[in-house]
Amino acid sequence: MATYPVKHKETGETKEIVMSIHDWDQWKEDNPEWERYYTPENAPKFGEVGDFQNKLVKNHPGWNEVLEKASKQPGARNLKI
């Protein structure tokens, strides 16, 4: 079961709907006056946020040397982080 936070377009009432993901599309068609409603507390999370390049170099110290060798190949762009 999934939880869908929704908000009524006219009244501003908010609630959470708990149902199967397979039923969600039909519910939206049957209830056009409701829309998905996200707040910082209920928004989907997409994993860690941060500077991936610094993490890559920190976790794999020899990575810049690999990129430097690759950038010396004919037709290569400068890939150094």
Protein backbone atom coordinates (compact mmCIF):
# COMPACT_ATOMS: atom_id res chain seq x y z
CA MET A 1 0.00 0.00 0.00
CA ALA A 2 1.14 3.51 -0.77
CA THR A 3 0.25 6.79 0.93
CA TYR A 4 -0.77 9.73 -1.25
CA PRO A 5 -0.96 13.19 0.32
CA VAL A 6 -3.71 15.16 -1.44
CA LYS A 7 -5.22 18.63 -1.24
CA HIS A 8 -8.69 19.74 -2.30
CA LYS A 9 -8.33 22.38 -5.03
CA GLU A 10 -11.21 24.57 -3.81
CA THR A 11 -11.32 24.19 -0.02
CA GLY A 12 -7.61 23.62 0.67
CA GLU A 13 -8.43 20.60 2.85
CA THR A 14 -5.53 18.12 3.02
CA LYS A 15 -5.55 14.41 3.78
CA GLU A 16 -3.63 11.24 3.07
CA ILE A 17 -5.06 8.48 0.93
CA VAL A 18 -3.74 4.96 1.51
CA MET A 19 -4.31 2.57 -1.38
CA SER A 20 -2.66 0.28 -3.85
CA ILE A 21 -0.62 1.97 -6.55
CA HIS A 22 -2.81 0.13 -9.05
CA ASP A 23 -5.92 1.92 -7.73
CA TRP A 24 -4.38 5.41 -7.74
CA ASP A 25 -5.08 6.27 -11.39
CA GLN A 26 -8.74 5.36 -11.03
CA TRP A 27 -9.01 7.38 -7.80
CA LYS A 28 -7.60 10.45 -9.59
CA GLU A 29 -10.17 10.09 -12.38
CA ASP A 30 -12.99 9.69 -9.86
CA ASN A 31 -11.83 12.68 -7.75
CA PRO A 32 -10.62 15.45 -10.10
CA GLU A 33 -11.09 18.09 -7.39
CA TRP A 34 -8.14 16.60 -5.45
CA GLU A 35 -4.46 16.92 -6.39
CA ARG A 36 -1.18 15.58 -5.03
CA TYR A 37 0.15 17.83 -2.29
CA TYR A 38 3.75 17.72 -1.08
CA THR A 39 5.29 19.40 1.95
CA PRO A 40 8.92 19.12 3.10
CA GLU A 41 7.77 16.44 5.55
CA ASN A 42 5.98 14.20 3.05
CA ALA A 43 7.94 14.83 -0.16
CA PRO A 44 9.62 11.82 -1.79
CA LYS A 45 13.29 11.49 -0.89
CA PHE A 46 15.84 10.99 -3.64
CA GLY A 47 18.87 9.91 -1.65
CA GLU A 48 21.91 11.80 -0.55
CA VAL A 49 22.49 15.34 -1.76
CA GLY A 50 25.95 16.79 -2.17
CA ASP A 51 28.90 17.39 -4.43
CA PHE A 52 29.39 14.02 -6.13
CA GLN A 53 32.77 15.00 -7.55
CA ASN A 54 34.33 15.59 -4.13
CA LYS A 55 32.85 12.33 -2.84
CA LEU A 56 34.21 10.45 -5.85
CA VAL A 57 37.75 11.73 -5.32
CA LYS A 58 37.53 11.18 -1.54
CA ASN A 59 36.30 7.59 -1.88
CA HIS A 60 38.58 6.70 -4.82
CA PRO A 61 41.85 8.65 -4.42
CA GLY A 62 43.41 7.45 -7.69
CA TRP A 63 40.46 8.53 -9.83
CA ASN A 64 42.00 11.81 -11.05
CA GLU A 65 45.05 9.95 -12.35
CA VAL A 66 42.79 7.61 -14.34
CA LEU A 67 40.92 10.59 -15.81
CA GLU A 68 44.18 12.38 -16.58
CA LYS A 69 45.44 9.38 -18.59
CA ALA A 70 42.13 9.13 -20.42
CA SER A 71 42.20 12.83 -21.31
CA LYS A 72 45.57 12.37 -23.04
CA GLN A 73 44.04 10.00 -25.59
CA PRO A 74 43.45 11.41 -29.08
CA GLY A 75 40.12 13.27 -29.33
CA ALA A 76 39.47 13.19 -25.58
CA ARG A 77 38.15 16.12 -23.60
CA ASN A 78 39.70 17.19 -20.30
CA LEU A 79 37.91 14.98 -17.75
CA LYS A 80 39.85 15.96 -14.62
CA ILE A 81 37.70 16.66 -11.60
